[in-house]
PDB file of N, CA and C in Angstrom:
ATOM      1  N   LEU A   1       7.307  -7.854   5.699  1.00  0.00           N
ATOM      2  CA  LEU A   1       6.298  -8.435   4.916  1.00  0.00           C
ATOM      3  C   LEU A   1       6.672  -9.750   4.658  1.00  0.00           C
ATOM      4  N   ARG A   2       7.998 -10.154   4.226  1.00  0.00           N
ATOM      5  CA  ARG A   2       8.333 -11.498   3.856  1.00  0.00           C
ATOM      6  C   ARG A   2       8.377 -12.132   5.281  1.00  0.00           C
ATOM      7  N   THR A   3       8.551 -11.724   6.182  1.00  0.00           N
ATOM      8  CA  THR A   3       8.725 -12.616   7.516  1.00  0.00           C
ATOM      9  C   THR A   3       7.315 -12.855   7.971  1.00  0.00           C
ATOM     10  N   MET A   4       6.345 -11.907   7.825  1.00  0.00           N
ATOM     11  CA  MET A   4       5.051 -12.138   8.216  1.00  0.00           C
ATOM     12  C   MET A   4       4.401 -13.330   7.446  1.00  0.00           C
ATOM     13  N   ALA A   5       4.709 -13.319   5.854  1.00  0.00           N
ATOM     14  CA  ALA A   5       4.373 -14.371   5.097  1.00  0.00           C
ATOM     15  C   ALA A   5       4.789 -15.659   5.420  1.00  0.00           C
ATOM     16  N   LEU A   6       6.313 -15.835   5.786  1.00  0.00           N
ATOM     17  CA  LEU A   6       6.811 -16.773   6.219  1.00  0.00           C
ATOM     18  C   LEU A   6       6.366 -17.678   7.343  1.00  0.00           C
ATOM     19  N   ARG A   7       5.809 -16.926   8.500  1.00  0.00           N
ATOM     20  CA  ARG A   7       5.165 -17.112   9.428  1.00  0.00           C
ATOM     21  C   ARG A   7       4.055 -17.336   9.448  1.00  0.00           C
ATOM     22  N   GLY A   8       3.352 -17.262   8.339  1.00  0.00           N
ATOM     23  CA  GLY A   8       1.787 -17.311   8.022  1.00  0.00           C
ATOM     24  C   GLY A   8       1.069 -16.168   9.094  1.00  0.00           C
ATOM     25  N   ASP A   9       1.531 -15.330   9.360  1.00  0.00           N
ATOM     26  CA  ASP A   9       0.741 -14.239  10.189  1.00  0.00           C
ATOM     27  C   ASP A   9      -0.301 -13.770   9.458  1.00  0.00           C
ATOM     28  N   LYS A  10      -1.344 -13.838   9.975  1.00  0.00           N
ATOM     29  CA  LYS A  10      -2.940 -13.583   9.700  1.00  0.00           C
ATOM     30  C   LYS A  10      -3.342 -12.315  10.170  1.00  0.00           C
ATOM     31  N   ARG A  11      -2.637 -11.478  10.711  1.00  0.00           N
ATOM     32  CA  ARG A  11      -3.085 -10.206  11.316  1.00  0.00           C
ATOM     33  C   ARG A  11      -3.126  -9.334   9.815  1.00  0.00           C
ATOM     34  N   PRO A  12      -4.117  -8.093   9.916  1.00  0.00           N
ATOM     35  CA  PRO A  12      -4.269  -7.006   8.777  1.00  0.00           C
ATOM     36  C   PRO A  12      -3.110  -6.154   8.766  1.00  0.00           C
ATOM     37  N   ALA A  13      -2.306  -5.892   7.357  1.00  0.00           N
ATOM     38  CA  ALA A  13      -1.437  -4.842   7.737  1.00  0.00           C
ATOM     39  C   ALA A  13      -1.712  -3.963   6.258  1.00  0.00           C
ATOM     40  N   TRP A  14      -1.477  -2.854   6.580  1.00  0.00           N
ATOM     41  CA  TRP A  14      -1.430  -1.487   5.401  1.00  0.00           C
ATOM     42  C   TRP A  14      -0.163  -1.254   5.084  1.00  0.00           C
ATOM     43  N   LEU A  15       0.253  -1.085   3.961  1.00  0.00           N
ATOM     44  CA  LEU A  15       1.416  -0.625   3.343  1.00  0.00           C
ATOM     45  C   LEU A  15       1.065   0.563   2.323  1.00  0.00           C
ATOM     46  N   PHE A  16       1.270   1.771   3.018  1.00  0.00           N
ATOM     47  CA  PHE A  16       1.260   2.940   1.940  1.00  0.00           C
ATOM     48  C   PHE A  16       2.621   3.433   1.367  1.00  0.00           C
ATOM     49  N   PHE A  17       2.426   3.259  -0.056  1.00  0.00           N
ATOM     50  CA  PHE A  17       3.519   3.049  -0.685  1.00  0.00           C
ATOM     51  C   PHE A  17       3.678   4.271  -1.795  1.00  0.00           C
ATOM     52  N   ALA A  18       4.505   4.867  -1.558  1.00  0.00           N
ATOM     53  CA  ALA A  18       4.868   6.413  -2.304  1.00  0.00           C
ATOM     54  C   ALA A  18       5.812   6.356  -3.238  1.00  0.00           C
ATOM     55  N   ASN A  19       5.348   6.737  -4.625  1.00  0.00           N
ATOM     56  CA  ASN A  19       6.585   6.537  -5.685  1.00  0.00           C
ATOM     57  C   ASN A  19       6.320   8.157  -6.610  1.00  0.00           C
ATOM     58  N   PRO A  20       7.461   8.335  -7.216  1.00  0.00           N
ATOM     59  CA  PRO A  20       6.933   9.802  -7.926  1.00  0.00           C
ATOM     60  C   PRO A  20       6.246   9.443  -9.146  1.00  0.00           C
ATOM     61  N   THR A  21       6.312   8.394  -9.884  1.00  0.00           N
ATOM     62  CA  THR A  21       5.516   8.076 -11.019  1.00  0.00           C
ATOM     63  C   THR A  21       5.337   6.625 -11.164  1.00  0.00           C
ATOM     64  N   GLN A  22       4.287   6.237 -12.148  1.00  0.00           N
ATOM     65  CA  GLN A  22       3.866   4.991 -12.210  1.00  0.00           C
ATOM     66  C   GLN A  22       5.134   4.032 -12.566  1.00  0.00           C
ATOM     67  N   GLU A  23       5.951   4.652 -13.662  1.00  0.00           N
ATOM     68  CA  GLU A  23       7.209   4.030 -13.960  1.00  0.00           C
ATOM     69  C   GLU A  23       8.240   3.702 -13.124  1.00  0.00           C
ATOM     70  N   GLN A  24       7.999   4.286 -11.975  1.00  0.00           N
ATOM     71  CA  GLN A  24       9.014   3.877 -10.670  1.00  0.00           C
ATOM     72  C   GLN A  24       8.466   3.181  -9.746  1.00  0.00           C
ATOM     73  N   LEU A  25       7.513   2.697  -9.853  1.00  0.00           N
ATOM     74  CA  LEU A  25       6.719   1.794  -8.940  1.00  0.00           C
ATOM     75  C   LEU A  25       7.806   0.674  -8.588  1.00  0.00           C
ATOM     76  N   LEU A  26       8.177   0.556  -7.524  1.00  0.00           N
ATOM     77  CA  LEU A  26       8.827  -0.772  -7.192  1.00  0.00           C
ATOM     78  C   LEU A  26       8.130  -2.160  -6.710  1.00  0.00           C
ATOM     79  N   PHE A  27       8.854  -2.880  -6.742  1.00  0.00           N
ATOM     80  CA  PHE A  27       8.246  -4.272  -5.806  1.00  0.00           C
ATOM     81  C   PHE A  27       7.041  -4.889  -6.370  1.00  0.00           C
ATOM     82  N   GLY A  28       6.369  -4.256  -7.396  1.00  0.00           N
ATOM     83  CA  GLY A  28       5.019  -4.404  -7.750  1.00  0.00           C
ATOM     84  C   GLY A  28       4.489  -6.040  -7.947  1.00  0.00           C
ATOM     85  N   HIS A  29       5.261  -6.951  -8.340  1.00  0.00           N
ATOM     86  CA  HIS A  29       5.016  -7.909  -8.629  1.00  0.00           C
ATOM     87  C   HIS A  29       4.946  -8.726  -7.161  1.00  0.00           C
ATOM     88  N   GLU A  30       6.244  -8.528  -6.379  1.00  0.00           N
ATOM     89  CA  GLU A  30       6.185  -9.042  -4.996  1.00  0.00           C
ATOM     90  C   GLU A  30       5.046  -8.535  -3.854  1.00  0.00           C
ATOM     91  N   LEU A  31       4.701  -7.381  -4.157  1.00  0.00           N
ATOM     92  CA  LEU A  31       3.673  -6.790  -3.501  1.00  0.00           C
ATOM     93  C   LEU A  31       2.342  -7.572  -3.733  1.00  0.00           C
ATOM     94  N   ARG A  32       2.120  -7.606  -4.922  1.00  0.00           N
ATOM     95  CA  ARG A  32       0.738  -8.483  -5.418  1.00  0.00           C
ATOM     96  C   ARG A  32       0.848  -9.795  -4.910  1.00  0.00           C
ATOM     97  N   GLU A  33       2.302 -10.740  -4.516  1.00  0.00           N
ATOM     98  CA  GLU A  33       2.212 -11.773  -4.150  1.00  0.00           C
ATOM     99  C   GLU A  33       1.773 -11.991  -2.485  1.00  0.00           C
ATOM    100  N   LEU A  34       2.590 -10.940  -2.305  1.00  0.00           N
ATOM    101  CA  LEU A  34       2.263 -10.974  -0.679  1.00  0.00           C
ATOM    102  C   LEU A  34       1.115 -10.676  -0.422  1.00  0.00           C
ATOM    103  N   SER A  35       0.382  -9.564  -1.215  1.00  0.00           N
ATOM    104  CA  SER A  35      -0.886  -9.174  -0.774  1.00  0.00           C
ATOM    105  C   SER A  35      -1.906 -10.592  -0.843  1.00  0.00           C
ATOM    106  N   GLU A  36      -1.626 -11.531  -1.635  1.00  0.00           N
ATOM    107  CA  GLU A  36      -2.435 -12.887  -1.791  1.00  0.00           C
ATOM    108  C   GLU A  36      -2.147 -13.697  -0.723  1.00  0.00           C
ATOM    109  N   GLN A  37      -1.028 -13.838  -0.199  1.00  0.00           N
ATOM    110  CA  GLN A  37      -0.769 -14.571   1.064  1.00  0.00           C
ATOM    111  C   GLN A  37      -0.988 -13.777   2.524  1.00  0.00           C
ATOM    112  N   LEU A  38      -1.033 -12.853   2.624  1.00  0.00           N
ATOM    113  CA  LEU A  38      -1.275 -11.980   3.579  1.00  0.00           C
ATOM    114  C   LEU A  38      -2.758 -11.142   3.513  1.00  0.00           C
ATOM    115  N   ARG A  39      -3.132 -10.728   4.644  1.00  0.00           N
ATOM    116  CA  ARG A  39      -4.110  -9.910   4.836  1.00  0.00           C
ATOM    117  C   ARG A  39      -3.550  -8.406   4.696  1.00  0.00           C
ATOM    118  N   LEU A  40      -2.956  -8.070   3.324  1.00  0.00           N
ATOM    119  CA  LEU A  40      -2.019  -6.876   3.257  1.00  0.00           C
ATOM    120  C   LEU A  40      -2.779  -5.951   2.058  1.00  0.00           C
ATOM    121  N   ASN A  41      -2.837  -4.756   2.547  1.00  0.00           N
ATOM    122  CA  ASN A  41      -3.659  -3.973   2.012  1.00  0.00           C
ATOM    123  C   ASN A  41      -2.641  -3.019   1.432  1.00  0.00           C
ATOM    124  N   VAL A  42      -2.272  -2.858  -0.064  1.00  0.00           N
ATOM    125  CA  VAL A  42      -1.207  -1.990  -0.469  1.00  0.00           C
ATOM    126  C   VAL A  42      -1.948  -0.666  -0.960  1.00  0.00           C
ATOM    127  N   ILE A  43      -1.538   0.543  -0.554  1.00  0.00           N
ATOM    128  CA  ILE A  43      -2.289   1.646  -1.004  1.00  0.00           C
ATOM    129  C   ILE A  43      -0.999   2.446  -2.011  1.00  0.00           C
ATOM    130  N   GLN A  44      -0.972   2.430  -2.889  1.00  0.00           N
ATOM    131  CA  GLN A  44      -0.021   3.057  -3.963  1.00  0.00           C
ATOM    132  C   GLN A  44      -0.422   4.734  -4.054  1.00  0.00           C
ATOM    133  N   ILE A  45       0.396   5.408  -3.895  1.00  0.00           N
ATOM    134  CA  ILE A  45       0.428   6.874  -4.083  1.00  0.00           C
ATOM    135  C   ILE A  45       1.452   7.388  -5.137  1.00  0.00           C
ATOM    136  N   LEU A  46       0.912   8.142  -5.846  1.00  0.00           N
ATOM    137  CA  LEU A  46       1.795   8.573  -7.070  1.00  0.00           C
ATOM    138  C   LEU A  46       1.749  10.355  -7.136  1.00  0.00           C
ATOM    139  N   GLN A  47       2.905  10.812  -7.103  1.00  0.00           N
ATOM    140  CA  GLN A  47       3.052  12.152  -6.980  1.00  0.00           C
ATOM    141  C   GLN A  47       2.947  12.625  -8.464  1.00  0.00           C
ATOM    142  N   GLU A  48       2.989  12.157  -9.414  1.00  0.00           N
ATOM    143  CA  GLU A  48       3.036  12.609 -10.881  1.00  0.00           C
ATOM    144  C   GLU A  48       2.004  11.452 -11.563  1.00  0.00           C
ATOM    145  N   PRO A  49       0.722  11.163 -11.249  1.00  0.00           N
ATOM    146  CA  PRO A  49       0.136  10.138 -11.828  1.00  0.00           C
ATOM    147  C   PRO A  49      -0.332  10.310 -13.238  1.00  0.00           C
ATOM    148  N   PRO A  50      -0.695   8.991 -13.910  1.00  0.00           N
ATOM    149  CA  PRO A  50      -1.293   9.161 -15.494  1.00  0.00           C
ATOM    150  C   PRO A  50      -2.489   9.550 -15.203  1.00  0.00           C
ATOM    151  N   PRO A  51      -3.081  10.190 -16.402  1.00  0.00           N
ATOM    152  CA  PRO A  51      -4.543  10.715 -16.387  1.00  0.00           C
ATOM    153  C   PRO A  51      -5.483   9.470 -15.959  1.00  0.00           C
ATOM    154  N   ASP A  52      -5.209   8.496 -16.264  1.00  0.00           N
ATOM    155  CA  ASP A  52      -6.184   7.386 -16.011  1.00  0.00           C
ATOM    156  C   ASP A  52      -6.046   6.606 -14.530  1.00  0.00           C
ATOM    157  N   TRP A  53      -5.155   7.267 -13.927  1.00  0.00           N
ATOM    158  CA  TRP A  53      -4.586   6.865 -12.470  1.00  0.00           C
ATOM    159  C   TRP A  53      -5.745   6.777 -11.509  1.00  0.00           C
ATOM    160  N   GLN A  54      -6.337   5.453 -10.730  1.00  0.00           N
ATOM    161  CA  GLN A  54      -7.296   5.544  -9.887  1.00  0.00           C
ATOM    162  C   GLN A  54      -7.056   5.912  -8.542  1.00  0.00           C
ATOM    163  N   GLY A  55      -5.888   5.455  -8.143  1.00  0.00           N
ATOM    164  CA  GLY A  55      -5.035   5.550  -6.658  1.00  0.00           C
ATOM    165  C   GLY A  55      -5.310   6.743  -6.150  1.00  0.00           C
ATOM    166  N   GLU A  56      -4.368   6.967  -5.206  1.00  0.00           N
ATOM    167  CA  GLU A  56      -4.078   8.081  -4.283  1.00  0.00           C
ATOM    168  C   GLU A  56      -2.930   8.758  -5.351  1.00  0.00           C
ATOM    169  N   GLN A  57      -3.069  10.223  -5.286  1.00  0.00           N
ATOM    170  CA  GLN A  57      -2.230  11.015  -5.637  1.00  0.00           C
ATOM    171  C   GLN A  57      -1.394  12.207  -4.802  1.00  0.00           C
ATOM    172  N   GLY A  58      -0.434  12.507  -4.993  1.00  0.00           N
ATOM    173  CA  GLY A  58       0.229  13.448  -4.478  1.00  0.00           C
ATOM    174  C   GLY A  58       1.213  12.959  -3.074  1.00  0.00           C
ATOM    175  N   LEU A  59       1.238  13.540  -2.052  1.00  0.00           N
ATOM    176  CA  LEU A  59       2.359  12.935  -0.908  1.00  0.00           C
ATOM    177  C   LEU A  59       1.210  12.445  -0.103  1.00  0.00           C
ATOM    178  N   LEU A  60       1.953  11.443   0.812  1.00  0.00           N
ATOM    179  CA  LEU A  60       1.357  10.765   1.990  1.00  0.00           C
ATOM    180  C   LEU A  60       0.752  11.830   2.806  1.00  0.00           C
ATOM    181  N   THR A  61      -0.694  11.748   3.324  1.00  0.00           N
ATOM    182  CA  THR A  61      -1.191  12.633   4.247  1.00  0.00           C
ATOM    183  C   THR A  61      -2.069  11.791   5.351  1.00  0.00           C
ATOM    184  N   ALA A  62      -2.287  12.530   6.373  1.00  0.00           N
ATOM    185  CA  ALA A  62      -3.014  11.759   7.477  1.00  0.00           C
ATOM    186  C   ALA A  62      -4.326  11.543   6.772  1.00  0.00           C
ATOM    187  N   GLU A  63      -5.030  12.423   5.937  1.00  0.00           N
ATOM    188  CA  GLU A  63      -6.129  12.111   5.440  1.00  0.00           C
ATOM    189  C   GLU A  63      -6.173  10.824   4.607  1.00  0.00           C
ATOM    190  N   MET A  64      -5.204  10.160   3.882  1.00  0.00           N
ATOM    191  CA  MET A  64      -5.004   9.117   3.065  1.00  0.00           C
ATOM    192  C   MET A  64      -5.226   7.887   4.153  1.00  0.00           C
ATOM    193  N   ILE A  65      -4.133   8.158   5.353  1.00  0.00           N
ATOM    194  CA  ILE A  65      -4.456   7.299   6.273  1.00  0.00           C
ATOM    195  C   ILE A  65      -5.632   6.567   6.779  1.00  0.00           C
ATOM    196  N   LYS A  66      -6.342   8.082   7.232  1.00  0.00           N
ATOM    197  CA  LYS A  66      -7.747   7.667   7.471  1.00  0.00           C
ATOM    198  C   LYS A  66      -8.920   7.172   6.766  1.00  0.00           C
ATOM    199  N   ARG A  67      -8.436   7.665   5.481  1.00  0.00           N
ATOM    200  CA  ARG A  67      -9.514   6.669   4.494  1.00  0.00           C
ATOM    201  C   ARG A  67      -9.277   5.333   4.381  1.00  0.00           C
ATOM    202  N   HIS A  68      -7.972   4.914   4.441  1.00  0.00           N
ATOM    203  CA  HIS A  68      -7.634   3.541   4.290  1.00  0.00           C
ATOM    204  C   HIS A  68      -7.434   2.618   5.344  1.00  0.00           C
ATOM    205  N   ALA A  69      -7.052   3.070   6.464  1.00  0.00           N
ATOM    206  CA  ALA A  69      -6.441   2.144   7.701  1.00  0.00           C
ATOM    207  C   ALA A  69      -7.539   2.453   8.958  1.00  0.00           C
ATOM    208  N   PRO A  70      -7.997   1.349   9.345  1.00  0.00           N
ATOM    209  CA  PRO A  70      -9.149   1.951  10.517  1.00  0.00           C
ATOM    210  C   PRO A  70      -8.048   1.671  11.827  1.00  0.00           C
ATOM    211  N   LEU A  71      -8.206   3.274  12.027  1.00  0.00           N
ATOM    212  CA  LEU A  71      -7.327   3.258  13.413  1.00  0.00           C
ATOM    213  C   LEU A  71      -8.294   3.281  14.738  1.00  0.00           C
ATOM    214  N   GLU A  72      -7.775   2.473  15.836  1.00  0.00           N
ATOM    215  CA  GLU A  72      -8.468   2.405  16.949  1.00  0.00           C
ATOM    216  C   GLU A  72      -7.707   3.488  17.872  1.00  0.00           C
ATOM    217  N   ARG A  73      -8.590   4.465  18.321  1.00  0.00           N
ATOM    218  CA  ARG A  73      -8.199   5.067  19.448  1.00  0.00           C
ATOM    219  C   ARG A  73      -8.260   4.602  21.001  1.00  0.00           C
ATOM    220  N   CYS A  74      -7.376   4.722  21.898  1.00  0.00           N
ATOM    221  CA  CYS A  74      -7.412   4.377  23.379  1.00  0.00           C
ATOM    222  C   CYS A  74      -8.173   5.350  23.855  1.00  0.00           C
TER     223      CYS A  74
END
């Protein structure tokens, strides 16, 4: 992602980023900055979300990918 930003890459990208808890989210600030520079969609997934969590929860599944990333079939 850093390389894409340095090169000015304009291709869309999706990052599915799973963490156990909200307190353990890594690289939050950097991912927000990269999201502003790139066409980057960050999908946060928490295994143990707080009650007010609006994002995905549990483990990454094929259904989550289908919901968020446009997959083209050959």
